[in-house]
């Protein structure tokens, strides 16, 4: 009897473990699907409504009850008249679509930017404009090149594009910003840094001291040039320098295309400027 109860208890424990495992998997799957769904959601708000509400909050705080009531009544009447007289079709007033883009080294927000640009391009009209509030210190070449290409889609449709920089649009950030028809920067915002850099630590001497050999086998003369663990040669460094120069040339070509008024050789030195200096 005792043996039967023991076996039965062990069986129940296995069943319980199995059920708990299934529940955990389902919860994780639901969580992941929820996160994936959010990636394609757009958070849209009317800036007109936002600032009107803020203004009204201040009015209500500083005006007397009677004054506020009169102002609110006048605003309501004005909105009603405005709604009746608002033109339709291509003659409607200009709309400004504002997109926020905060970048890291990998410009990981680019997937969201692509979706947002696609959404805007599906409704924007020639009389409208797109404003991108950009904060981007730069990073990897291919990631920021892809991000810049999303803004190129707007320019390709002949839609006016404005980039606003409050803090920084440098290197890959400026690669994005230069696509715009206009760049508006805060006085102390960092602008420019039209250059390319590669930094690679080398641990070969540390490995030698520890008696560790580093083996690297490649097919193709320049499959790997400068390395972190092996000994680098002058030829390796020269090849990396050549590759950086090629990227720099592409960078300069893009800046020159969208901002032909610039003396590209003067500004493509890798230097950065603050907003007021950048205008000059």
Protein backbone atom coordinates (compact mmCIF):
# COMPACT_ATOMS: atom_id res chain seq x y z
CA UNK A 1 0.00 0.00 0.00
CA UNK A 2 2.80 2.40 0.92
CA UNK A 3 4.57 1.60 -2.34
CA UNK A 4 1.35 2.30 -4.27
CA UNK A 5 0.90 5.67 -2.59
CA UNK A 6 4.53 6.55 -3.29
CA UNK A 7 4.19 5.67 -6.99
CA UNK A 8 0.89 7.53 -7.21
CA UNK A 9 2.40 10.63 -5.56
CA UNK A 10 5.35 10.51 -7.96
CA UNK A 11 2.92 10.28 -10.88
CA UNK A 12 0.97 13.34 -9.67
CA UNK A 13 4.21 15.27 -9.24
CA UNK A 14 5.22 14.52 -12.83
CA UNK A 15 1.79 15.57 -14.11
CA UNK A 16 1.94 18.80 -12.08
CA UNK A 17 5.43 19.57 -13.40
CA UNK A 18 4.24 18.99 -16.97
CA UNK A 19 1.21 21.26 -16.49
CA UNK A 20 3.33 24.04 -14.94
CA UNK A 21 5.80 23.80 -17.83
CA UNK A 22 2.97 24.19 -20.37
CA UNK A 23 1.56 27.20 -18.50
CA UNK A 24 4.99 28.86 -18.39
CA UNK A 25 5.48 28.32 -22.15
CA UNK A 26 2.04 29.75 -22.91
CA UNK A 27 2.64 32.81 -20.72
CA UNK A 28 6.01 33.46 -22.40
CA UNK A 29 4.48 33.02 -25.85
CA UNK A 30 1.69 35.45 -25.06
CA UNK A 31 4.19 37.95 -23.68
CA UNK A 32 6.37 37.74 -26.76
CA UNK A 33 3.41 38.04 -29.12
CA UNK A 34 2.27 41.09 -27.17
CA UNK A 35 5.69 42.70 -27.51
CA UNK A 36 5.85 41.88 -31.21
CA UNK A 37 2.44 43.41 -31.71
CA UNK A 38 3.54 46.64 -30.06
CA UNK A 39 6.37 47.02 -32.55
CA UNK A 40 3.86 47.76 -35.27
CA UNK A 41 1.65 50.10 -33.25
CA UNK A 42 1.74 53.83 -33.90
CA UNK A 43 1.21 56.32 -31.11
CA UNK A 44 -0.40 59.33 -32.76
CA UNK A 45 -1.36 62.57 -31.07
CA UNK A 46 -2.49 65.98 -32.27
CA UNK A 47 0.05 68.59 -31.25
CA UNK A 48 -2.54 71.32 -31.82
CA UNK A 49 -4.82 69.70 -29.25
CA UNK A 50 -1.93 69.13 -26.84
CA UNK A 51 -0.79 72.75 -26.78
CA UNK A 52 -4.34 74.09 -26.80
CA UNK A 53 -5.10 72.00 -23.70
CA UNK A 54 -1.95 73.28 -22.00
CA UNK A 55 -2.87 76.87 -22.85
CA UNK A 56 -6.37 76.39 -21.51
CA UNK A 57 -5.05 74.88 -18.28
CA UNK A 58 -2.95 77.99 -17.71
CA UNK A 59 -5.81 80.29 -18.64
CA UNK A 60 -8.14 78.55 -16.24
CA UNK A 61 -5.55 78.89 -13.49
CA UNK A 62 -4.87 82.63 -13.93
CA UNK A 63 -8.28 83.94 -15.02
CA UNK A 64 -11.26 84.50 -12.83
CA UNK A 65 -14.15 82.08 -13.16
CA UNK A 66 -16.17 84.64 -15.13
CA UNK A 67 -13.24 85.55 -17.43
CA UNK A 68 -12.47 81.88 -18.09
CA UNK A 69 -16.09 81.17 -18.93
CA UNK A 70 -16.11 84.03 -21.47
CA UNK A 71 -12.83 82.89 -23.05
CA UNK A 72 -13.98 79.26 -23.29
CA UNK A 73 -17.25 80.35 -24.92
CA UNK A 74 -15.38 82.53 -27.45
CA UNK A 75 -12.97 79.68 -28.28
CA UNK A 76 -15.84 77.26 -28.80
CA UNK A 77 -17.56 79.72 -31.14
CA UNK A 78 -14.34 80.30 -33.10
CA UNK A 79 -13.79 76.54 -33.50
CA UNK A 80 -17.33 76.14 -34.79
CA UNK A 81 -16.90 78.91 -37.38
CA UNK A 82 -13.50 77.52 -38.36
CA UNK A 83 -14.98 74.05 -38.88
CA UNK A 84 -17.69 75.36 -41.20
CA UNK A 85 -15.31 77.45 -43.30
CA UNK A 86 -12.46 74.93 -43.48
CA UNK A 87 -11.50 74.22 -47.12
CA UNK A 88 -11.40 70.68 -48.42
CA UNK A 89 -9.25 68.71 -50.83
CA UNK A 90 -5.91 70.01 -52.14
CA UNK A 91 -6.67 73.53 -50.95
CA UNK A 92 -6.89 72.50 -47.31
CA UNK A 93 -4.46 74.10 -44.88
CA UNK A 94 -0.98 72.64 -44.56
CA UNK A 95 -0.46 69.83 -42.09
CA UNK A 96 2.84 69.16 -40.34
CA UNK A 97 3.65 65.56 -39.45
CA UNK A 98 6.16 65.30 -36.59
CA UNK A 99 8.28 62.17 -36.09
CA UNK A 100 10.64 61.65 -33.13
CA UNK A 101 13.86 59.70 -33.64
CA UNK A 102 16.28 59.00 -30.77
CA UNK A 103 19.22 56.91 -31.91
CA UNK A 104 21.83 54.72 -30.27
CA UNK A 105 25.05 53.36 -31.80
CA UNK A 106 23.09 50.83 -33.87
CA UNK A 107 20.23 53.23 -34.77
CA UNK A 108 17.94 50.53 -33.42
CA UNK A 109 14.86 52.77 -33.74
CA UNK A 110 15.13 52.61 -37.54
CA UNK A 111 12.55 49.82 -37.87
CA UNK A 112 10.01 52.04 -36.13
CA UNK A 113 11.08 55.00 -38.27
CA UNK A 114 10.50 52.96 -41.42
CA UNK A 115 6.95 52.10 -40.33
CA UNK A 116 6.24 55.71 -39.36
CA UNK A 117 7.54 57.08 -42.67
CA UNK A 118 5.45 54.53 -44.57
CA UNK A 119 2.36 55.57 -42.63
CA UNK A 120 2.97 59.29 -43.22
CA UNK A 121 3.68 58.81 -46.92
CA UNK A 122 0.33 57.04 -47.29
CA UNK A 123 -1.58 60.19 -46.26
CA UNK A 124 0.73 63.18 -46.76
CA UNK A 125 -0.06 65.74 -49.49
CA UNK A 126 2.30 68.00 -51.48
CA UNK A 127 1.15 71.01 -49.42
CA UNK A 128 2.15 69.30 -46.16
CA UNK A 129 5.57 68.91 -44.56
CA UNK A 130 7.32 66.36 -42.38
CA UNK A 131 9.36 67.36 -39.34
CA UNK A 132 11.79 64.90 -37.74
CA UNK A 133 12.97 65.69 -34.21
CA UNK A 134 16.38 64.03 -34.34
CA UNK A 135 18.78 63.11 -31.55
CA UNK A 136 21.63 61.04 -32.92
CA UNK A 137 25.34 61.00 -31.94
CA UNK A 138 26.25 58.56 -34.71
CA UNK A 139 27.43 54.95 -34.74
CA UNK A 140 27.75 52.07 -37.18
CA UNK A 141 27.84 53.00 -40.85
CA UNK A 142 25.32 50.57 -42.31
CA UNK A 143 22.73 51.13 -39.58
CA UNK A 144 22.79 54.92 -39.92
CA UNK A 145 22.91 54.70 -43.69
CA UNK A 146 19.72 52.66 -43.54
CA UNK A 147 18.16 55.23 -41.21
CA UNK A 148 19.10 58.05 -43.59
CA UNK A 149 17.50 56.16 -46.46
CA UNK A 150 14.15 56.35 -44.68
CA UNK A 151 14.34 60.16 -44.79
CA UNK A 152 15.39 59.97 -48.43
CA UNK A 153 12.03 58.33 -49.13
CA UNK A 154 10.35 61.56 -47.99
CA UNK A 155 12.56 63.74 -50.18
CA UNK A 156 11.98 61.40 -53.14
CA UNK A 157 8.25 62.21 -52.90
CA UNK A 158 9.02 65.97 -53.04
CA UNK A 159 7.57 66.42 -49.55
CA UNK A 160 9.30 69.26 -47.62
CA UNK A 161 11.43 67.74 -44.86
CA UNK A 162 12.69 69.60 -41.79
CA UNK A 163 15.06 68.10 -39.23
CA UNK A 164 15.13 69.66 -35.76
CA UNK A 165 18.14 69.03 -33.53
CA UNK A 166 17.93 69.95 -29.85
CA UNK A 167 21.14 68.26 -28.69
CA UNK A 168 23.17 66.35 -31.28
CA UNK A 169 23.22 65.23 -34.91
CA UNK A 170 26.80 64.14 -35.46
CA UNK A 171 28.50 61.67 -37.78
CA UNK A 172 25.75 59.16 -38.68
CA UNK A 173 23.30 61.60 -37.11
CA UNK A 174 24.38 64.30 -39.54
CA UNK A 175 24.18 61.75 -42.36
CA UNK A 176 20.47 61.64 -41.55
CA UNK A 177 20.08 65.37 -40.93
CA UNK A 178 21.72 66.47 -44.18
CA UNK A 179 18.91 64.85 -46.17
CA UNK A 180 16.47 67.52 -44.96
CA UNK A 181 15.50 70.63 -46.88
CA UNK A 182 16.15 72.57 -43.68
CA UNK A 183 17.98 71.84 -40.44
CA UNK A 184 16.92 73.75 -37.35
CA UNK A 185 19.35 73.38 -34.45
CA UNK A 186 19.48 74.68 -30.90
CA UNK A 187 22.35 77.12 -30.27
CA UNK A 188 24.45 74.53 -28.41
CA UNK A 189 23.41 71.47 -30.40
CA UNK A 190 26.36 69.50 -31.78
CA UNK A 191 26.33 69.37 -35.58
CA UNK A 192 28.69 67.83 -38.14
CA UNK A 193 31.49 65.34 -37.46
CA UNK A 194 31.59 64.35 -41.13
CA UNK A 195 34.22 61.69 -40.71
CA UNK A 196 34.77 57.97 -40.11
CA UNK A 197 36.58 56.23 -37.28
CA UNK A 198 37.55 52.67 -36.37
CA UNK A 199 39.08 51.75 -32.99
CA UNK A 200 40.31 48.22 -32.31
CA UNK A 201 42.14 47.14 -29.13
CA UNK A 202 44.88 44.57 -29.59
CA UNK A 203 45.58 41.87 -27.02
CA UNK A 204 48.33 39.96 -28.86
CA UNK A 205 51.09 40.82 -26.35
CA UNK A 206 48.87 39.84 -23.42
CA UNK A 207 48.20 36.48 -25.05
CA UNK A 208 51.91 35.95 -25.72
CA UNK A 209 52.74 36.54 -22.05
CA UNK A 210 50.12 33.96 -21.07
CA UNK A 211 51.46 31.45 -23.57
CA UNK A 212 48.33 31.57 -25.72
CA UNK A 213 48.62 31.25 -29.51
CA UNK A 214 46.04 32.90 -31.73
CA UNK A 215 45.26 31.13 -35.00
CA UNK A 216 43.28 32.76 -37.79
CA UNK A 217 42.57 31.12 -41.13
CA UNK A 218 40.99 33.09 -43.97
CA UNK A 219 40.20 32.60 -47.64
CA UNK A 220 40.61 35.90 -49.42
CA UNK A 221 43.55 38.23 -48.89
CA UNK A 222 41.56 40.94 -47.14
CA UNK A 223 38.87 38.84 -45.44
CA UNK A 224 40.33 40.08 -42.15
CA UNK A 225 42.79 42.95 -41.80
CA UNK A 226 43.24 44.57 -38.39
CA UNK A 227 42.43 42.08 -35.63
CA UNK A 228 42.04 42.21 -31.85
CA UNK A 229 44.07 39.10 -31.01
CA UNK A 230 46.67 38.61 -33.73
CA UNK A 231 49.66 40.73 -34.71
CA UNK A 232 48.73 43.52 -37.10
CA UNK A 233 50.95 44.49 -40.00
CA UNK A 234 51.39 47.82 -41.77
CA UNK A 235 49.59 46.26 -44.73
CA UNK A 236 46.61 45.44 -42.49
CA UNK A 237 46.47 49.01 -41.20
CA UNK A 238 46.81 50.45 -44.70
CA UNK A 239 43.90 48.34 -45.96
CA UNK A 240 41.67 49.40 -43.06
CA UNK A 241 42.60 53.03 -43.73
CA UNK A 242 41.67 52.55 -47.39
CA UNK A 243 38.27 51.15 -46.40
CA UNK A 244 37.63 54.06 -44.06
CA UNK A 245 38.53 56.51 -46.82
CA UNK A 246 36.01 54.82 -49.12
CA UNK A 247 33.26 55.20 -46.50
CA UNK A 248 34.29 58.82 -45.94
CA UNK A 249 34.03 59.46 -49.69
CA UNK A 250 30.48 58.06 -49.72
CA UNK A 251 29.62 60.19 -46.70
CA UNK A 252 30.95 63.34 -48.35
CA UNK A 253 29.15 62.56 -51.60
CA UNK A 254 25.82 62.30 -49.81
CA UNK A 255 26.34 65.53 -47.89
CA UNK A 256 27.40 67.31 -51.09
CA UNK A 257 24.32 66.02 -52.91
CA UNK A 258 21.82 67.34 -50.38
CA UNK A 259 23.76 70.45 -49.31
CA UNK A 260 25.54 71.62 -52.48
CA UNK A 261 26.15 75.08 -51.02
CA UNK A 262 28.72 73.64 -48.59
CA UNK A 263 32.47 73.63 -49.16
CA UNK A 264 32.60 69.88 -48.60
CA UNK A 265 36.37 69.66 -48.12
CA UNK A 266 36.20 72.35 -45.46
CA UNK A 267 33.45 70.70 -43.43
CA UNK A 268 34.31 67.02 -43.95
CA UNK A 269 37.27 67.04 -41.56
CA UNK A 270 35.56 65.14 -38.75
CA UNK A 271 35.12 68.34 -36.74
CA UNK A 272 31.84 69.22 -35.11
CA UNK A 273 30.30 72.61 -34.43
CA UNK A 274 27.65 74.04 -32.15
CA UNK A 275 24.43 75.24 -33.74
CA UNK A 276 25.34 78.92 -34.02
CA UNK A 277 28.76 78.03 -35.51
CA UNK A 278 27.26 75.47 -37.86
CA UNK A 279 25.21 78.19 -39.59
CA UNK A 280 28.44 80.00 -40.47
